[in-house]
Amino acid sequence: QIMKDTSRTPINLEKAVGEFERNLIVEALKKCDGIQTRAAKQLGTTRRILRYRMDKLGIDISRDKLA
């Protein structure tokens, strides 16, 4: 969905990267039943950095349906 025909549509790199990162984090949290430490390990990062990125991207475990 991000890689549409770009000949006519400008791409906002920051927005595309943020969307991609958000999707990766949400999927990891789903696979790990919302357990941030396990999701961070799966993503190859620390829980602290995962939490920072979740806050930055507006990911709220209670709001974003992980089931």
Protein backbone atom coordinates (compact mmCIF):
# COMPACT_ATOMS: atom_id res chain seq x y z
CA GLN A 1 0.00 0.00 0.00
CA ILE A 2 2.93 2.36 0.56
CA MET A 3 4.54 1.49 -2.76
CA LYS A 4 1.81 2.82 -5.02
CA ASP A 5 2.46 4.37 -8.41
CA THR A 6 4.71 7.22 -7.31
CA SER A 7 5.06 8.93 -10.67
CA ARG A 8 2.21 11.32 -9.80
CA THR A 9 2.02 11.12 -6.02
CA PRO A 10 4.75 12.59 -3.82
CA ILE A 11 5.88 10.33 -0.99
CA ASN A 12 6.31 11.64 2.52
CA LEU A 13 9.24 9.51 3.70
CA GLU A 14 8.82 10.35 7.38
CA LYS A 15 5.14 9.41 7.29
CA ALA A 16 5.82 6.16 5.39
CA VAL A 17 8.59 5.12 7.78
CA GLY A 18 6.41 5.95 10.79
CA GLU A 19 3.54 3.87 9.39
CA PHE A 20 5.88 0.96 8.70
CA GLU A 21 7.42 1.14 12.18
CA ARG A 22 3.99 1.42 13.80
CA ASN A 23 2.74 -1.68 11.97
CA LEU A 24 5.85 -3.67 12.98
CA ILE A 25 5.47 -2.72 16.63
CA VAL A 26 1.73 -3.45 16.75
CA GLU A 27 2.24 -6.85 15.09
CA ALA A 28 5.05 -7.74 17.52
CA LEU A 29 2.85 -6.75 20.46
CA LYS A 30 0.01 -8.89 19.10
CA LYS A 31 2.30 -11.92 18.75
CA CYS A 32 3.57 -11.37 22.29
CA ASP A 33 0.13 -10.86 23.87
CA GLY A 34 0.93 -7.21 24.62
CA ILE A 35 4.02 -8.07 26.68
CA GLN A 36 6.41 -5.25 25.84
CA THR A 37 9.59 -6.97 27.00
CA ARG A 38 8.95 -9.95 24.71
CA ALA A 39 7.94 -7.71 21.80
CA ALA A 40 11.10 -5.65 22.24
CA LYS A 41 13.23 -8.78 22.19
CA GLN A 42 11.48 -9.98 19.03
CA LEU A 43 12.19 -6.61 17.41
CA GLY A 44 15.84 -6.66 18.49
CA THR A 45 15.58 -3.67 20.81
CA THR A 46 15.08 -2.90 24.48
CA ARG A 47 11.79 -2.40 26.28
CA ARG A 48 12.80 1.19 27.03
CA ILE A 49 13.35 2.02 23.35
CA LEU A 50 10.17 0.17 22.37
CA ARG A 51 8.21 2.20 24.93
CA TYR A 52 9.76 5.44 23.60
CA ARG A 53 8.77 4.56 20.04
CA MET A 54 5.28 3.51 21.13
CA ASP A 55 4.82 6.91 22.80
CA LYS A 56 6.27 8.72 19.77
CA LEU A 57 3.94 6.85 17.38
CA GLY A 58 0.90 7.08 19.64
CA ILE A 59 0.58 3.34 20.21
CA ASP A 60 -1.61 2.65 23.23
CA ILE A 61 -1.99 -1.04 24.12
CA SER A 62 -5.40 -0.47 25.67
CA ARG A 63 -6.65 1.51 22.66
CA ASP A 64 -5.00 -0.40 19.80
CA LYS A 65 -6.71 -3.76 19.61
CA LEU A 66 -4.02 -6.37 19.96
CA ALA A 67 -6.29 -9.42 19.96
